[in-house]
Structure formats: C-alpha cells, structure tokens
C-alpha atoms as a PDB file:
ATOM      1  CA  MET A   1      21.067   7.051 -11.360  1.00  0.00           C
ATOM      2  CA  SER A   2      18.165   9.244 -12.468  1.00  0.00           C
ATOM      3  CA  ASP A   3      18.748  12.381 -14.472  1.00  0.00           C
ATOM      4  CA  PRO A   4      18.900  15.253 -11.926  1.00  0.00           C
ATOM      5  CA  GLY A   5      16.813  17.421 -14.256  1.00  0.00           C
ATOM      6  CA  SER A   6      13.875  14.999 -14.326  1.00  0.00           C
ATOM      7  CA  ASP A   7      14.111  13.826 -10.705  1.00  0.00           C
ATOM      8  CA  PRO A   8      12.783  16.500  -8.307  1.00  0.00           C
ATOM      9  CA  VAL A   9      14.816  15.170  -5.360  1.00  0.00           C
ATOM     10  CA  LEU A  10      18.129  15.120  -7.212  1.00  0.00           C
ATOM     11  CA  HIS A  11      17.315  18.446  -8.873  1.00  0.00           C
ATOM     12  CA  ALA A  12      16.697  20.050  -5.450  1.00  0.00           C
ATOM     13  CA  ALA A  13      19.944  18.564  -4.085  1.00  0.00           C
ATOM     14  CA  THR A  14      21.865  19.841  -7.116  1.00  0.00           C
ATOM     15  CA  THR A  15      20.472  23.372  -6.842  1.00  0.00           C
ATOM     16  CA  THR A  16      21.932  23.816  -3.339  1.00  0.00           C
ATOM     17  CA  GLY A  17      25.377  23.993  -4.940  1.00  0.00           C
ATOM     18  CA  HIS A  18      26.767  21.437  -2.473  1.00  0.00           C
ATOM     19  CA  PRO A  19      28.129  18.015  -3.445  1.00  0.00           C
ATOM     20  CA  PHE A  20      26.118  14.933  -2.554  1.00  0.00           C
ATOM     21  CA  GLU A  21      26.312  11.202  -3.081  1.00  0.00           C
ATOM     22  CA  VAL A  22      23.424   8.890  -3.976  1.00  0.00           C
ATOM     23  CA  VAL A  23      23.644   5.704  -1.886  1.00  0.00           C
ATOM     24  CA  PRO A  24      21.543   2.839  -3.297  1.00  0.00           C
ATOM     25  CA  CYS A  25      19.870   0.546  -0.785  1.00  0.00           C
ATOM     26  CA  ASP A  26      17.555  -2.425  -0.613  1.00  0.00           C
ATOM     27  CA  PRO A  27      14.024  -1.015  -0.026  1.00  0.00           C
ATOM     28  CA  ALA A  28      13.470  -3.669   2.667  1.00  0.00           C
ATOM     29  CA  LEU A  29      16.421  -2.165   4.576  1.00  0.00           C
ATOM     30  CA  ALA A  30      15.495   1.524   4.209  1.00  0.00           C
ATOM     31  CA  ASP A  31      14.440   2.042   7.835  1.00  0.00           C
ATOM     32  CA  THR A  32      17.209   3.789   9.745  1.00  0.00           C
ATOM     33  CA  ALA A  33      18.454   1.087  12.129  1.00  0.00           C
ATOM     34  CA  GLU A  34      18.488  -1.631   9.452  1.00  0.00           C
ATOM     35  CA  PHE A  35      20.069   0.683   6.885  1.00  0.00           C
ATOM     36  CA  CYS A  36      22.857   1.770   9.232  1.00  0.00           C
ATOM     37  CA  ALA A  37      23.597  -1.777  10.398  1.00  0.00           C
ATOM     38  CA  THR A  38      23.697  -3.126   6.837  1.00  0.00           C
ATOM     39  CA  TYR A  39      25.512  -0.317   5.037  1.00  0.00           C
ATOM     40  CA  GLY A  40      28.017   0.748   7.700  1.00  0.00           C
ATOM     41  CA  TYR A  41      26.691   4.164   8.712  1.00  0.00           C
ATOM     42  CA  THR A  42      26.310   5.231  12.325  1.00  0.00           C
ATOM     43  CA  LEU A  43      23.089   6.504  13.899  1.00  0.00           C
ATOM     44  CA  ASP A  44      24.793   9.794  14.793  1.00  0.00           C
ATOM     45  CA  GLN A  45      25.353  10.518  11.088  1.00  0.00           C
ATOM     46  CA  SER A  46      21.876   9.443   9.997  1.00  0.00           C
ATOM     47  CA  ALA A  47      19.037  11.975   9.945  1.00  0.00           C
ATOM     48  CA  ASN A  48      15.335  11.218   9.699  1.00  0.00           C
ATOM     49  CA  ALA A  49      12.862  13.494   7.909  1.00  0.00           C
ATOM     50  CA  ILE A  50       9.510  13.287   9.696  1.00  0.00           C
ATOM     51  CA  LEU A  51       6.257  14.922   8.614  1.00  0.00           C
ATOM     52  CA  VAL A  52       4.391  16.333  11.604  1.00  0.00           C
ATOM     53  CA  VAL A  53       0.858  17.678  11.803  1.00  0.00           C
ATOM     54  CA  GLY A  54      -0.770  20.245  14.063  1.00  0.00           C
ATOM     55  CA  LYS A  55      -4.198  18.937  15.083  1.00  0.00           C
ATOM     56  CA  GLY A  56      -6.237  22.056  14.509  1.00  0.00           C
ATOM     57  CA  GLU A  57      -8.425  23.335  11.723  1.00  0.00           C
ATOM     58  CA  PRO A  58      -6.960  23.877   9.309  1.00  0.00           C
ATOM     59  CA  ARG A  59      -4.317  21.217   9.869  1.00  0.00           C
ATOM     60  CA  VAL A  60      -0.774  22.571   9.657  1.00  0.00           C
ATOM     61  CA  TYR A  61       2.291  20.592   8.627  1.00  0.00           C
ATOM     62  CA  ALA A  62       6.067  20.743   8.748  1.00  0.00           C
ATOM     63  CA  VAL A  63       8.914  18.362   7.969  1.00  0.00           C
ATOM     64  CA  CYS A  64      11.398  17.979  10.807  1.00  0.00           C
ATOM     65  CA  LEU A  65      14.908  16.626  10.302  1.00  0.00           C
ATOM     66  CA  VAL A  66      16.547  15.092  13.369  1.00  0.00           C
ATOM     67  CA  LEU A  67      19.500  12.801  14.020  1.00  0.00           C
ATOM     68  CA  ALA A  68      18.662   9.145  14.645  1.00  0.00           C
ATOM     69  CA  THR A  69      20.294   9.466  18.085  1.00  0.00           C
ATOM     70  CA  THR A  70      17.645  12.003  19.099  1.00  0.00           C
ATOM     71  CA  ARG A  71      13.877  12.035  19.555  1.00  0.00           C
ATOM     72  CA  LEU A  72      11.769  14.739  17.928  1.00  0.00           C
ATOM     73  CA  ASP A  73      10.156  16.930  20.623  1.00  0.00           C
ATOM     74  CA  VAL A  74       6.644  16.734  19.149  1.00  0.00           C
ATOM     75  CA  ASN A  75       4.780  17.719  22.322  1.00  0.00           C
ATOM     76  CA  GLY A  76       7.115  20.620  23.100  1.00  0.00           C
ATOM     77  CA  ALA A  77       9.152  22.363  20.416  1.00  0.00           C
ATOM     78  CA  VAL A  78       7.111  21.154  17.428  1.00  0.00           C
ATOM     79  CA  ARG A  79       3.720  21.907  18.975  1.00  0.00           C
ATOM     80  CA  ARG A  80       4.832  25.419  19.962  1.00  0.00           C
ATOM     81  CA  ARG A  81       6.335  26.156  16.537  1.00  0.00           C
ATOM     82  CA  LEU A  82       3.177  24.984  14.794  1.00  0.00           C
ATOM     83  CA  GLY A  83       1.112  27.169  17.151  1.00  0.00           C
ATOM     84  CA  VAL A  84      -1.313  24.375  18.076  1.00  0.00           C
ATOM     85  CA  LYS A  85      -2.489  22.632  21.232  1.00  0.00           C
ATOM     86  CA  LYS A  86      -1.772  19.134  19.877  1.00  0.00           C
ATOM     87  CA  ALA A  87       0.743  17.831  17.359  1.00  0.00           C
ATOM     88  CA  SER A  88       1.714  14.358  16.214  1.00  0.00           C
ATOM     89  CA  PHE A  89       3.521  12.423  13.534  1.00  0.00           C
ATOM     90  CA  ALA A  90       1.570  12.449  10.285  1.00  0.00           C
ATOM     91  CA  SER A  91       0.192   9.079   9.206  1.00  0.00           C
ATOM     92  CA  PRO A  92       1.907   7.119   6.435  1.00  0.00           C
ATOM     93  CA  ASP A  93      -1.008   8.026   4.124  1.00  0.00           C
ATOM     94  CA  GLU A  94      -0.739  11.748   4.950  1.00  0.00           C
ATOM     95  CA  THR A  95       3.026  11.565   4.407  1.00  0.00           C
ATOM     96  CA  ILE A  96       2.597  10.088   0.927  1.00  0.00           C
ATOM     97  CA  GLU A  97      -0.217  12.517   0.083  1.00  0.00           C
ATOM     98  CA  LEU A  98       1.730  15.631   1.122  1.00  0.00           C
ATOM     99  CA  THR A  99       5.290  14.701   0.134  1.00  0.00           C
ATOM    100  CA  GLY A 100       4.829  12.032  -2.526  1.00  0.00           C
ATOM    101  CA  MET A 101       7.259   9.875  -0.513  1.00  0.00           C
ATOM    102  CA  GLN A 102       6.925   6.749   1.600  1.00  0.00           C
ATOM    103  CA  ILE A 103       8.166   6.616   5.180  1.00  0.00           C
ATOM    104  CA  GLY A 104      11.746   5.313   5.006  1.00  0.00           C
ATOM    105  CA  GLY A 105      12.397   7.425   1.931  1.00  0.00           C
ATOM    106  CA  VAL A 106      11.202  10.884   2.994  1.00  0.00           C
ATOM    107  CA  THR A 107      13.844  13.489   2.244  1.00  0.00           C
ATOM    108  CA  PRO A 108      14.189  17.238   2.775  1.00  0.00           C
ATOM    109  CA  TYR A 109      14.928  17.569  -0.954  1.00  0.00           C
ATOM    110  CA  GLY A 110      12.080  18.174  -3.381  1.00  0.00           C
ATOM    111  CA  LEU A 111       9.429  18.930  -0.764  1.00  0.00           C
ATOM    112  CA  PRO A 112       6.329  20.816  -1.927  1.00  0.00           C
ATOM    113  CA  ALA A 113       6.663  24.607  -1.928  1.00  0.00           C
ATOM    114  CA  GLY A 114       5.349  26.162   1.261  1.00  0.00           C
ATOM    115  CA  LEU A 115       5.992  23.101   3.442  1.00  0.00           C
ATOM    116  CA  PRO A 116       8.373  24.251   6.207  1.00  0.00           C
ATOM    117  CA  LEU A 117      11.558  22.259   6.848  1.00  0.00           C
ATOM    118  CA  TRP A 118      12.900  22.483  10.404  1.00  0.00           C
ATOM    119  CA  ILE A 119      16.405  21.123  10.918  1.00  0.00           C
ATOM    120  CA  ASP A 120      17.589  20.291  14.425  1.00  0.00           C
ATOM    121  CA  SER A 121      20.743  22.324  15.065  1.00  0.00           C
ATOM    122  CA  ARG A 122      22.726  19.192  16.051  1.00  0.00           C
ATOM    123  CA  ILE A 123      22.749  18.211  12.370  1.00  0.00           C
ATOM    124  CA  ILE A 124      24.684  21.345  11.413  1.00  0.00           C
ATOM    125  CA  GLY A 125      27.610  20.136  13.553  1.00  0.00           C
ATOM    126  CA  CYS A 126      28.018  16.940  11.503  1.00  0.00           C
ATOM    127  CA  GLU A 127      30.565  16.629   8.719  1.00  0.00           C
ATOM    128  CA  GLN A 128      28.048  14.756   6.555  1.00  0.00           C
ATOM    129  CA  VAL A 129      24.655  13.163   7.159  1.00  0.00           C
ATOM    130  CA  ILE A 130      22.758  10.432   5.391  1.00  0.00           C
ATOM    131  CA  VAL A 131      19.113  11.312   4.684  1.00  0.00           C
ATOM    132  CA  GLY A 132      16.260   9.736   2.768  1.00  0.00           C
ATOM    133  CA  GLY A 133      16.512   9.851  -0.990  1.00  0.00           C
ATOM    134  CA  GLY A 134      12.862  10.338  -1.928  1.00  0.00           C
ATOM    135  CA  SER A 135      12.197   6.611  -2.235  1.00  0.00           C
ATOM    136  CA  ARG A 136      13.051   3.532  -0.201  1.00  0.00           C
ATOM    137  CA  ASP A 137      15.711   2.388  -2.681  1.00  0.00           C
ATOM    138  CA  ARG A 138      18.232   5.178  -2.088  1.00  0.00           C
ATOM    139  CA  LYS A 139      19.651   7.603   0.458  1.00  0.00           C
ATOM    140  CA  LEU A 140      21.621  10.812   0.006  1.00  0.00           C
ATOM    141  CA  LEU A 141      24.917  11.528   1.769  1.00  0.00           C
ATOM    142  CA  VAL A 142      25.131  15.307   2.100  1.00  0.00           C
ATOM    143  CA  PRO A 143      26.948  18.064   3.986  1.00  0.00           C
ATOM    144  CA  PRO A 144      24.658  19.939   6.417  1.00  0.00           C
ATOM    145  CA  GLY A 145      25.161  23.151   4.435  1.00  0.00           C
ATOM    146  CA  SER A 146      23.204  21.564   1.599  1.00  0.00           C
ATOM    147  CA  LEU A 147      20.222  21.020   3.900  1.00  0.00           C
ATOM    148  CA  ALA A 148      20.384  24.548   5.326  1.00  0.00           C
ATOM    149  CA  ALA A 149      20.483  25.929   1.754  1.00  0.00           C
ATOM    150  CA  LEU A 150      17.050  24.508   0.896  1.00  0.00           C
ATOM    151  CA  PRO A 151      14.439  27.243   0.325  1.00  0.00           C
ATOM    152  CA  SER A 152      12.082  26.299   3.169  1.00  0.00           C
ATOM    153  CA  ALA A 153      14.810  25.307   5.648  1.00  0.00           C
ATOM    154  CA  GLU A 154      15.203  26.761   9.107  1.00  0.00           C
ATOM    155  CA  VAL A 155      17.752  25.528  11.645  1.00  0.00           C
ATOM    156  CA  VAL A 156      16.088  25.146  15.056  1.00  0.00           C
ATOM    157  CA  ASP A 157      17.765  24.748  18.442  1.00  0.00           C
ATOM    158  CA  ASP A 158      16.358  21.939  20.620  1.00  0.00           C
ATOM    159  CA  LEU A 159      13.927  20.595  18.027  1.00  0.00           C
ATOM    160  CA  ALA A 160      14.887  17.145  19.322  1.00  0.00           C
ATOM    161  CA  LYS A 161      16.017  15.636  22.610  1.00  0.00           C
ATOM    162  CA  LEU A 162      18.874  13.206  23.089  1.00  0.00           C
ATOM    163  CA  VAL A 163      17.696   9.618  23.469  1.00  0.00           C
ATOM    164  CA  ASP A 164      18.544   8.109  26.834  1.00  0.00           C
ATOM    165  CA  PRO A 165      20.805   5.137  25.980  1.00  0.00           C
ATOM    166  CA  GLY A 166      19.789   3.362  29.212  1.00  0.00           C
END
C-alpha cells in the first residue's frame, strides 16, 4: 500500500479521522458491476463518483456520489444545483484533466480544492460503502461519515433516483 503521506487519496481519507480499508482490484474489473460480481460486494453498498459539467460559459463542475442502485438525476437535481440550463456527465478526458483520475477509479478523496462534492443522502444510511480508490487498481471501503467529513462535501436529498429493476 502507498504511504498515506505521499498519496493524496489516502492522505485525504486519513484526515477525515474515520477508519477505511484499501481493497486491491484488477484494473480490468474496476467498473462497478464487474467489481461487485468478482469481489463479493453488492450494488447497494457500492457508490460511484461521477464528474458532471454544466454546459454554460464558464463551464461549472461538481463530483456527485451516488449508490450503484440509483441513477444520478443529471437533468433535474444536478442541473438545478449547478444553475445551468444543460448538464451532462463529463467526458473521460475532462474527468482525467480535472481530477487526475480515470473513470472506474474516481474517488471523493483527494479531489482538487474548490471542486464541490455532492453526496446522495441514501449513502449516509449505509453502514459502509465501497468507492473508487483514485486509480483502477484499488477501491476504498469507508463509513459514510468519512465521506461527509471531506472539506467540499455536501449531503443532498434526491440527487439520484432509484433504478427501476424491471
């Protein structure tokens, strides 16, 4: 495992004062469904960090954290919170440029200062959640209090909608 002092993701996780576990994974299996199926986690304890962009000038960004059993409400809640007419998922290139992380490894920990982190309130009700680890070769298993303790974090009701299982 990397030294928490030299790894910005682990350093940020450590500074919350909450315990966490680093879970190594095969980078080819880092996407949520494959990760959960391979490593024995459930979708309702897995949270995805998604960079979103407001399509105005200047462009505005936020990272949204939602459970894998939900769908981020980009055209409703996200668009309104960003204060724009149109919002969408940021491209993989924008995600790397802004966060320094690849999709499949994006984490709420170690985000650039000033980049808002919106956490869907359903996550707070979980005992623990598995989130990206900053790269595709690891995840972090954390209590929700650790996420809420991050400097740019805000817990948001109805940031996501439940996915219709049908």
